[in-house]
Amino acid sequence: MFHGWENFFMMAGTSAAALIGLLFVAISVGTGFSPSDIVRASRGFLTPTLVHFASVVFQALAVLAPWASARPIGIILGLGAFAGLSYQLYIVLMRQKIGSVFPGWADWIPWVVLPVLGDASLIAGAVGLIVGNAFAPYAVAGSSALLLFVGIYGAWDLTVWIIKNRGKT
C-alpha cells in the first residue's frame, strides 16, 4: 500500500533522527543551568519535542518494514497514535499543574493543536490501512509531516529559551 512512498518516509525518518541528535547538542550547550531550570526546560520543551521526532522515526520504520499485509501496520500505527494522544493530554495537564501555560493562543497551535491533528491523522491512516482504503498513505504522511514540523518548532523554542536564559544562572 505504501508503494512509491519509500522516499518520503526515508527522508522524514532520517530528518527526525538527525534532529534528535541535534537536540542532544542543544542540551549540552545548556549545561550551565541550575537543576531546576534544566527540569523546567526538559518538561516544557525537550521531552515533547523528542517524542514528536521519535514518533516520526517510528512511523518511518514501521512503514518501511516489509509487511505481508497492511493490517498489522495499521494496528501498530493506531496504537502509537493513541499513545501520542494520551501523551499530549498528559503534557497539557502537566503544564497546567507546574504553571507552564502558554501566554497566547498562537502558542497553543504548534504545542497542542498540531500534535493532536498529527495523531488524529495517524489514527485515520491506521484505520485506512486496516480497512484497505487508498487514502491511508496520505494520512500517515500528513501525520509525519505535521509531527516533524511540531518537532522543529519545539527545537526552535528550546534553542531560544537556552539563549534567553543562558546568562541568568
N, C-alpha and C. Protein backbone atom coordinates (compact mmCIF):
# COMPACT_ATOMS: atom_id res chain seq x y z
N MET A 1 0.82 -1.19 0.00
CA MET A 1 0.00 0.00 0.00
C MET A 1 0.86 1.26 0.00
N PHE A 2 2.08 1.17 0.47
CA PHE A 2 2.97 2.33 0.53
C PHE A 2 3.94 2.36 -0.64
N HIS A 3 3.63 1.62 -1.71
CA HIS A 3 4.49 1.63 -2.89
C HIS A 3 4.57 3.06 -3.44
N GLY A 4 5.79 3.53 -3.63
CA GLY A 4 6.02 4.89 -4.11
C GLY A 4 6.22 5.91 -3.00
N TRP A 5 6.01 5.51 -1.76
CA TRP A 5 6.16 6.40 -0.62
C TRP A 5 7.50 6.21 0.09
N GLU A 6 8.32 5.31 -0.39
CA GLU A 6 9.56 4.98 0.31
C GLU A 6 10.45 6.19 0.51
N ASN A 7 10.62 7.00 -0.53
CA ASN A 7 11.49 8.18 -0.43
C ASN A 7 10.98 9.18 0.60
N PHE A 8 9.66 9.39 0.62
CA PHE A 8 9.10 10.34 1.58
C PHE A 8 9.39 9.88 3.01
N PHE A 9 9.09 8.63 3.32
CA PHE A 9 9.28 8.15 4.68
C PHE A 9 10.75 8.00 5.04
N MET A 10 11.58 7.71 4.07
CA MET A 10 13.02 7.66 4.32
C MET A 10 13.54 9.05 4.69
N MET A 11 13.10 10.06 3.94
CA MET A 11 13.53 11.44 4.23
C MET A 11 12.97 11.92 5.56
N ALA A 12 11.70 11.65 5.83
CA ALA A 12 11.10 12.10 7.09
C ALA A 12 11.78 11.42 8.28
N GLY A 13 12.00 10.13 8.18
CA GLY A 13 12.63 9.39 9.29
C GLY A 13 14.06 9.82 9.54
N THR A 14 14.84 9.97 8.48
CA THR A 14 16.23 10.38 8.69
C THR A 14 16.32 11.83 9.15
N SER A 15 15.42 12.67 8.69
CA SER A 15 15.40 14.06 9.16
C SER A 15 15.11 14.11 10.65
N ALA A 16 14.10 13.36 11.08
CA ALA A 16 13.74 13.34 12.50
C ALA A 16 14.88 12.75 13.34
N ALA A 17 15.52 11.71 12.85
CA ALA A 17 16.64 11.11 13.59
C ALA A 17 17.80 12.09 13.72
N ALA A 18 18.11 12.80 12.64
CA ALA A 18 19.19 13.79 12.70
C ALA A 18 18.84 14.92 13.66
N LEU A 19 17.59 15.33 13.67
CA LEU A 19 17.17 16.40 14.57
C LEU A 19 17.17 15.95 16.03
N ILE A 20 16.93 14.67 16.28
CA ILE A 20 17.08 14.14 17.64
C ILE A 20 18.53 14.31 18.10
N GLY A 21 19.47 14.01 17.22
CA GLY A 21 20.88 14.20 17.54
C GLY A 21 21.20 15.66 17.83
N LEU A 22 20.61 16.57 17.06
CA LEU A 22 20.85 17.99 17.30
C LEU A 22 20.23 18.46 18.62
N LEU A 23 19.16 17.80 19.06
CA LEU A 23 18.60 18.13 20.37
C LEU A 23 19.61 17.87 21.47
N PHE A 24 20.35 16.76 21.34
CA PHE A 24 21.38 16.46 22.33
C PHE A 24 22.47 17.52 22.32
N VAL A 25 22.79 18.03 21.16
CA VAL A 25 23.78 19.10 21.07
C VAL A 25 23.25 20.35 21.75
N ALA A 26 21.98 20.69 21.50
CA ALA A 26 21.38 21.87 22.11
C ALA A 26 21.36 21.76 23.63
N ILE A 27 21.06 20.59 24.14
CA ILE A 27 21.03 20.40 25.59
C ILE A 27 22.43 20.49 26.17
N SER A 28 23.42 19.95 25.47
CA SER A 28 24.78 20.03 26.00
C SER A 28 25.28 21.47 26.05
N VAL A 29 24.77 22.33 25.15
CA VAL A 29 25.11 23.75 25.18
C VAL A 29 24.53 24.39 26.44
N GLY A 30 23.40 23.89 26.89
CA GLY A 30 22.74 24.46 28.05
C GLY A 30 23.13 23.82 29.37
N THR A 31 24.32 23.25 29.48
CA THR A 31 24.71 22.57 30.71
C THR A 31 25.02 23.50 31.86
N GLY A 32 25.07 24.78 31.65
CA GLY A 32 25.39 25.71 32.73
C GLY A 32 24.19 26.13 33.56
N PHE A 33 23.02 25.55 33.32
CA PHE A 33 21.82 25.93 34.05
C PHE A 33 21.71 25.20 35.37
N SER A 34 20.94 25.79 36.27
CA SER A 34 20.67 25.14 37.54
C SER A 34 19.77 23.93 37.30
N PRO A 35 19.79 22.95 38.21
CA PRO A 35 18.96 21.75 38.02
C PRO A 35 17.47 22.05 37.84
N SER A 36 16.94 23.03 38.57
CA SER A 36 15.51 23.34 38.42
C SER A 36 15.21 23.91 37.04
N ASP A 37 16.13 24.71 36.49
CA ASP A 37 15.94 25.24 35.14
C ASP A 37 16.00 24.13 34.10
N ILE A 38 16.91 23.19 34.30
CA ILE A 38 17.02 22.06 33.36
C ILE A 38 15.75 21.23 33.38
N VAL A 39 15.21 20.98 34.56
CA VAL A 39 13.97 20.19 34.67
C VAL A 39 12.83 20.93 33.98
N ARG A 40 12.73 22.24 34.20
CA ARG A 40 11.67 23.02 33.58
C ARG A 40 11.79 23.02 32.06
N ALA A 41 12.99 23.20 31.56
CA ALA A 41 13.20 23.18 30.11
C ALA A 41 12.93 21.80 29.54
N SER A 42 13.34 20.78 30.26
CA SER A 42 13.11 19.41 29.81
C SER A 42 11.63 19.11 29.70
N ARG A 43 10.88 19.48 30.73
CA ARG A 43 9.44 19.23 30.72
C ARG A 43 8.72 20.10 29.70
N GLY A 44 9.17 21.32 29.55
CA GLY A 44 8.47 22.25 28.69
C GLY A 44 8.80 22.13 27.22
N PHE A 45 10.05 21.82 26.91
CA PHE A 45 10.48 21.84 25.52
C PHE A 45 11.07 20.52 25.04
N LEU A 46 12.02 19.99 25.77
CA LEU A 46 12.81 18.88 25.27
C LEU A 46 12.02 17.59 25.11
N THR A 47 11.37 17.14 26.16
CA THR A 47 10.71 15.84 26.09
C THR A 47 9.59 15.80 25.06
N PRO A 48 8.68 16.79 25.02
CA PRO A 48 7.67 16.74 23.96
C PRO A 48 8.27 16.78 22.56
N THR A 49 9.31 17.58 22.37
CA THR A 49 9.95 17.66 21.06
C THR A 49 10.58 16.32 20.69
N LEU A 50 11.25 15.71 21.65
CA LEU A 50 11.85 14.40 21.42
C LEU A 50 10.79 13.36 21.07
N VAL A 51 9.67 13.40 21.75
CA VAL A 51 8.58 12.45 21.47
C VAL A 51 8.03 12.66 20.06
N HIS A 52 7.89 13.90 19.62
CA HIS A 52 7.38 14.15 18.26
C HIS A 52 8.36 13.63 17.21
N PHE A 53 9.65 13.91 17.40
CA PHE A 53 10.65 13.39 16.46
C PHE A 53 10.68 11.86 16.48
N ALA A 54 10.61 11.27 17.67
CA ALA A 54 10.64 9.81 17.78
C ALA A 54 9.41 9.20 17.12
N SER A 55 8.28 9.88 17.18
CA SER A 55 7.08 9.38 16.52
C SER A 55 7.27 9.33 15.00
N VAL A 56 7.92 10.34 14.45
CA VAL A 56 8.19 10.35 13.01
C VAL A 56 9.14 9.21 12.64
N VAL A 57 10.18 9.00 13.45
CA VAL A 57 11.11 7.89 13.19
C VAL A 57 10.36 6.56 13.27
N PHE A 58 9.52 6.41 14.29
CA PHE A 58 8.75 5.18 14.46
C PHE A 58 7.83 4.94 13.26
N GLN A 59 7.15 5.97 12.81
CA GLN A 59 6.27 5.82 11.64
C GLN A 59 7.06 5.40 10.42
N ALA A 60 8.20 6.02 10.20
CA ALA A 60 9.02 5.69 9.04
C ALA A 60 9.50 4.24 9.10
N LEU A 61 9.97 3.84 10.28
CA LEU A 61 10.45 2.46 10.42
C LEU A 61 9.32 1.46 10.22
N ALA A 62 8.15 1.77 10.76
CA ALA A 62 7.02 0.86 10.62
C ALA A 62 6.56 0.76 9.16
N VAL A 63 6.51 1.90 8.49
CA VAL A 63 6.04 1.91 7.10
C VAL A 63 7.04 1.24 6.16
N LEU A 64 8.33 1.42 6.42
CA LEU A 64 9.34 0.88 5.51
C LEU A 64 9.63 -0.60 5.72
N ALA A 65 9.12 -1.18 6.80
CA ALA A 65 9.32 -2.62 7.03
C ALA A 65 8.50 -3.43 6.02
N PRO A 66 9.01 -4.56 5.62
CA PRO A 66 8.28 -5.38 4.62
C PRO A 66 7.16 -6.20 5.29
N TRP A 67 5.97 -5.66 5.30
CA TRP A 67 4.82 -6.33 5.91
C TRP A 67 4.11 -7.20 4.87
N ALA A 68 3.57 -8.32 5.32
CA ALA A 68 2.82 -9.20 4.43
C ALA A 68 1.47 -8.57 4.06
N SER A 69 0.89 -7.80 4.97
CA SER A 69 -0.36 -7.09 4.68
C SER A 69 -0.33 -5.75 5.41
N ALA A 70 -1.30 -4.92 5.11
CA ALA A 70 -1.36 -3.59 5.71
C ALA A 70 -2.01 -3.61 7.09
N ARG A 71 -2.74 -4.65 7.43
CA ARG A 71 -3.46 -4.69 8.71
C ARG A 71 -2.54 -4.58 9.93
N PRO A 72 -1.46 -5.36 10.03
CA PRO A 72 -0.61 -5.23 11.22
C PRO A 72 0.00 -3.83 11.38
N ILE A 73 0.42 -3.23 10.28
CA ILE A 73 0.99 -1.89 10.39
C ILE A 73 -0.08 -0.89 10.81
N GLY A 74 -1.32 -1.09 10.35
CA GLY A 74 -2.42 -0.23 10.77
C GLY A 74 -2.66 -0.32 12.27
N ILE A 75 -2.62 -1.52 12.79
CA ILE A 75 -2.82 -1.72 14.24
C ILE A 75 -1.68 -1.06 15.02
N ILE A 76 -0.45 -1.28 14.58
CA ILE A 76 0.72 -0.72 15.27
C ILE A 76 0.69 0.81 15.23
N LEU A 77 0.43 1.39 14.06
CA LEU A 77 0.38 2.84 13.95
C LEU A 77 -0.80 3.42 14.74
N GLY A 78 -1.93 2.70 14.76
CA GLY A 78 -3.08 3.16 15.54
C GLY A 78 -2.78 3.19 17.02
N LEU A 79 -2.12 2.15 17.52
CA LEU A 79 -1.73 2.12 18.94
C LEU A 79 -0.74 3.25 19.25
N GLY A 80 0.19 3.47 18.33
CA GLY A 80 1.14 4.58 18.51
C GLY A 80 0.43 5.93 18.52
N ALA A 81 -0.59 6.09 17.69
CA ALA A 81 -1.33 7.35 17.65
C ALA A 81 -2.10 7.57 18.94
N PHE A 82 -2.72 6.52 19.47
CA PHE A 82 -3.43 6.67 20.74
C PHE A 82 -2.46 6.96 21.88
N ALA A 83 -1.28 6.37 21.83
CA ALA A 83 -0.25 6.69 22.83
C ALA A 83 0.16 8.16 22.70
N GLY A 84 0.29 8.65 21.47
CA GLY A 84 0.63 10.05 21.25
C GLY A 84 -0.44 11.00 21.77
N LEU A 85 -1.70 10.65 21.55
CA LEU A 85 -2.79 11.49 22.08
C LEU A 85 -2.80 11.48 23.60
N SER A 86 -2.58 10.32 24.18
CA SER A 86 -2.52 10.23 25.65
C SER A 86 -1.38 11.07 26.19
N TYR A 87 -0.23 10.99 25.54
CA TYR A 87 0.92 11.78 25.98
C TYR A 87 0.63 13.27 25.85
N GLN A 88 -0.03 13.66 24.76
CA GLN A 88 -0.36 15.07 24.56
C GLN A 88 -1.28 15.57 25.67
N LEU A 89 -2.25 14.78 26.06
CA LEU A 89 -3.13 15.15 27.16
C LEU A 89 -2.34 15.28 28.46
N TYR A 90 -1.43 14.35 28.69
CA TYR A 90 -0.58 14.41 29.88
C TYR A 90 0.25 15.69 29.89
N ILE A 91 0.82 16.05 28.76
CA ILE A 91 1.65 17.26 28.67
C ILE A 91 0.83 18.51 28.97
N VAL A 92 -0.36 18.60 28.42
CA VAL A 92 -1.20 19.77 28.67
C VAL A 92 -1.54 19.85 30.14
N LEU A 93 -1.93 18.74 30.76
CA LEU A 93 -2.26 18.73 32.19
C LEU A 93 -1.03 19.05 33.05
N MET A 94 0.12 18.49 32.69
CA MET A 94 1.34 18.73 33.44
C MET A 94 1.75 20.20 33.35
N ARG A 95 1.62 20.80 32.19
CA ARG A 95 1.98 22.21 32.04
C ARG A 95 1.05 23.09 32.86
N GLN A 96 -0.21 22.72 32.92
CA GLN A 96 -1.14 23.48 33.76
C GLN A 96 -0.75 23.35 35.22
N LYS A 97 -0.35 22.15 35.63
CA LYS A 97 0.00 21.88 37.02
C LYS A 97 1.24 22.65 37.48
N ILE A 98 2.27 22.68 36.61
CA ILE A 98 3.51 23.36 37.02
C ILE A 98 3.51 24.84 36.66
N GLY A 99 2.41 25.30 36.09
CA GLY A 99 2.30 26.72 35.79
C GLY A 99 2.98 27.13 34.51
N SER A 100 3.32 26.19 33.67
CA SER A 100 3.98 26.50 32.40
C SER A 100 2.92 26.59 31.31
N VAL A 101 2.04 27.57 31.44
CA VAL A 101 0.97 27.72 30.47
C VAL A 101 1.45 28.62 29.34
N PHE A 102 0.77 28.53 28.24
CA PHE A 102 1.15 29.33 27.09
C PHE A 102 0.54 30.72 27.21
N PRO A 103 1.34 31.76 26.93
CA PRO A 103 0.84 33.12 27.13
C PRO A 103 -0.26 33.53 26.15
N GLY A 104 -0.25 33.02 24.95
CA GLY A 104 -1.23 33.44 23.96
C GLY A 104 -1.77 32.27 23.16
N TRP A 105 -2.85 32.52 22.45
CA TRP A 105 -3.47 31.46 21.67
C TRP A 105 -2.54 30.95 20.58
N ALA A 106 -1.67 31.80 20.07
CA ALA A 106 -0.77 31.38 18.99
C ALA A 106 0.20 30.29 19.45
N ASP A 107 0.52 30.25 20.74
CA ASP A 107 1.38 29.20 21.26
C ASP A 107 0.66 27.85 21.36
N TRP A 108 -0.65 27.87 21.48
CA TRP A 108 -1.41 26.63 21.58
C TRP A 108 -1.42 25.88 20.24
N ILE A 109 -1.31 26.60 19.14
CA ILE A 109 -1.39 25.94 17.83
C ILE A 109 -0.25 24.94 17.63
N PRO A 110 1.03 25.36 17.72
CA PRO A 110 2.10 24.38 17.48
C PRO A 110 2.32 23.40 18.63
N TRP A 111 1.95 23.79 19.86
CA TRP A 111 2.23 22.92 21.00
C TRP A 111 1.10 21.96 21.34
N VAL A 112 -0.13 22.29 20.93
CA VAL A 112 -1.27 21.44 21.29
C VAL A 112 -2.07 21.02 20.06
N VAL A 113 -2.50 21.98 19.27
CA VAL A 113 -3.41 21.69 18.16
C VAL A 113 -2.73 20.83 17.09
N LEU A 114 -1.55 21.22 16.64
CA LEU A 114 -0.89 20.46 15.56
C LEU A 114 -0.50 19.04 15.97
N PRO A 115 0.01 18.81 17.19
CA PRO A 115 0.27 17.42 17.57
C PRO A 115 -1.01 16.57 17.63
N VAL A 116 -2.10 17.16 18.10
CA VAL A 116 -3.37 16.42 18.13
C VAL A 116 -3.83 16.13 16.70
N LEU A 117 -3.70 17.10 15.80
CA LEU A 117 -4.05 16.85 14.40
C LEU A 117 -3.15 15.77 13.78
N GLY A 118 -1.87 15.80 14.13
CA GLY A 118 -0.96 14.78 13.63
C GLY A 118 -1.35 13.38 14.10
N ASP A 119 -1.68 13.25 15.38
CA ASP A 119 -2.10 11.95 15.89
C ASP A 119 -3.45 11.54 15.34
N ALA A 120 -4.37 12.50 15.15
CA ALA A 120 -5.67 12.18 14.55
C ALA A 120 -5.49 11.72 13.10
N SER A 121 -4.58 12.36 12.39
CA SER A 121 -4.29 11.93 11.02
C SER A 121 -3.69 10.52 11.00
N LEU A 122 -2.86 10.22 11.99
CA LEU A 122 -2.29 8.88 12.08
C LEU A 122 -3.37 7.85 12.40
N ILE A 123 -4.32 8.20 13.23
CA ILE A 123 -5.44 7.29 13.51
C ILE A 123 -6.24 7.04 12.24
N ALA A 124 -6.51 8.11 11.49
CA ALA A 124 -7.25 7.96 10.23
C ALA A 124 -6.46 7.08 9.26
N GLY A 125 -5.16 7.27 9.19
CA GLY A 125 -4.34 6.43 8.33
C GLY A 125 -4.31 4.99 8.79
N ALA A 126 -4.26 4.78 10.10
CA ALA A 126 -4.26 3.41 10.63
C ALA A 126 -5.57 2.70 10.31
N VAL A 127 -6.68 3.40 10.50
CA VAL A 127 -7.98 2.81 10.15
C VAL A 127 -8.02 2.53 8.65
N GLY A 128 -7.52 3.45 7.85
CA GLY A 128 -7.48 3.24 6.41
C GLY A 128 -6.63 2.03 6.02
N LEU A 129 -5.54 1.82 6.73
CA LEU A 129 -4.72 0.63 6.45
C LEU A 129 -5.45 -0.65 6.83
N ILE A 130 -6.16 -0.61 7.94
CA ILE A 130 -6.86 -1.82 8.40
C ILE A 130 -7.99 -2.18 7.44
N VAL A 131 -8.73 -1.18 6.95
CA VAL A 131 -9.86 -1.48 6.06
C VAL A 131 -9.47 -1.44 4.58
N GLY A 132 -8.24 -1.02 4.28
CA GLY A 132 -7.74 -1.06 2.91
C GLY A 132 -8.13 0.12 2.04
N ASN A 133 -8.31 1.30 2.62
CA ASN A 133 -8.63 2.50 1.84
C ASN A 133 -7.36 3.12 1.26
N ALA A 134 -7.51 3.70 0.08
CA ALA A 134 -6.36 4.27 -0.63
C ALA A 134 -5.83 5.55 0.00
N PHE A 135 -6.61 6.21 0.86
CA PHE A 135 -6.16 7.46 1.47
C PHE A 135 -5.15 7.23 2.58
N ALA A 136 -4.99 6.01 3.05
CA ALA A 136 -4.16 5.72 4.22
C ALA A 136 -2.73 6.26 4.12
N PRO A 137 -2.01 6.05 3.03
CA PRO A 137 -0.64 6.58 2.97
C PRO A 137 -0.60 8.11 3.08
N TYR A 138 -1.59 8.78 2.53
CA TYR A 138 -1.63 10.24 2.62
C TYR A 138 -1.84 10.69 4.06
N ALA A 139 -2.70 10.01 4.78
CA ALA A 139 -2.96 10.37 6.18
C ALA A 139 -1.72 10.12 7.04
N VAL A 140 -1.05 9.00 6.83
CA VAL A 140 0.17 8.70 7.60
C VAL A 140 1.26 9.70 7.25
N ALA A 141 1.41 10.02 5.97
CA ALA A 141 2.40 11.02 5.56
C ALA A 141 2.07 12.39 6.13
N GLY A 142 0.79 12.74 6.18
CA GLY A 142 0.39 14.01 6.78
C GLY A 142 0.74 14.07 8.25
N SER A 143 0.56 12.95 8.94
CA SER A 143 0.93 12.88 10.35
C SER A 143 2.43 13.08 10.52
N SER A 144 3.22 12.41 9.71
CA SER A 144 4.67 12.55 9.79
C SER A 144 5.10 13.99 9.54
N ALA A 145 4.52 14.61 8.53
CA ALA A 145 4.88 16.00 8.21
C ALA A 145 4.50 16.95 9.34
N LEU A 146 3.30 16.79 9.89
CA LEU A 146 2.88 17.66 11.00
C LEU A 146 3.76 17.48 12.22
N LEU A 147 4.02 16.23 12.59
CA LEU A 147 4.84 15.99 13.79
C LEU A 147 6.29 16.42 13.58
N LEU A 148 6.78 16.32 12.36
CA LEU A 148 8.13 16.82 12.08
C LEU A 148 8.17 18.34 12.22
N PHE A 149 7.16 19.02 11.70
CA PHE A 149 7.07 20.47 11.85
C PHE A 149 6.98 20.87 13.32
N VAL A 150 6.14 20.16 14.08
CA VAL A 150 5.99 20.47 15.51
C VAL A 150 7.31 20.26 16.24
N GLY A 151 8.04 19.20 15.89
CA GLY A 151 9.34 18.96 16.50
C GLY A 151 10.33 20.06 16.18
N ILE A 152 10.33 20.53 14.95
CA ILE A 152 11.22 21.62 14.56
C ILE A 152 10.86 22.89 15.33
N TYR A 153 9.58 23.16 15.47
CA TYR A 153 9.14 24.32 16.24
C TYR A 153 9.57 24.19 17.70
N GLY A 154 9.43 23.00 18.26
CA GLY A 154 9.85 22.77 19.64
C GLY A 154 11.34 22.93 19.82
N ALA A 155 12.11 22.44 18.86
CA ALA A 155 13.57 22.60 18.94
C ALA A 155 13.95 24.07 18.85
N TRP A 156 13.24 24.82 18.03
CA TRP A 156 13.49 26.26 17.93
C TRP A 156 13.17 26.94 19.26
N ASP A 157 12.03 26.60 19.85
CA ASP A 157 11.68 27.18 21.15
C ASP A 157 12.71 26.83 22.22
N LEU A 158 13.21 25.60 22.20
CA LEU A 158 14.23 25.19 23.16
C LEU A 158 15.50 26.02 22.97
N THR A 159 15.91 26.19 21.74
CA THR A 159 17.12 26.97 21.45
C THR A 159 16.96 28.42 21.90
N VAL A 160 15.81 29.01 21.60
CA VAL A 160 15.56 30.40 22.02
C VAL A 160 15.54 30.49 23.55
N TRP A 161 14.93 29.51 24.22
CA TRP A 161 14.89 29.51 25.68
C TRP A 161 16.30 29.44 26.26
N ILE A 162 17.15 28.58 25.68
CA ILE A 162 18.53 28.46 26.16
C ILE A 162 19.27 29.79 25.97
N ILE A 163 19.11 30.41 24.81
CA ILE A 163 19.79 31.68 24.55
C ILE A 163 19.31 32.77 25.50
N LYS A 164 18.01 32.85 25.71
CA LYS A 164 17.46 33.89 26.58
C LYS A 164 17.84 33.69 28.05
N ASN A 165 18.00 32.46 28.48
CA ASN A 165 18.23 32.18 29.89
C ASN A 165 19.66 31.81 30.21
N ARG A 166 20.52 31.86 29.27
CA ARG A 166 21.93 31.43 29.47
C ARG A 166 22.62 32.26 30.53
N GLY A 167 22.48 33.53 30.54
CA GLY A 167 23.19 34.38 31.47
C GLY A 167 22.49 34.61 32.80
N LYS A 168 21.34 33.98 33.02
CA LYS A 168 20.56 34.22 34.22
C LYS A 168 20.91 33.31 35.38
N THR A 169 21.80 32.35 35.18
CA THR A 169 22.11 31.41 36.27
C THR A 169 23.27 31.87 37.09
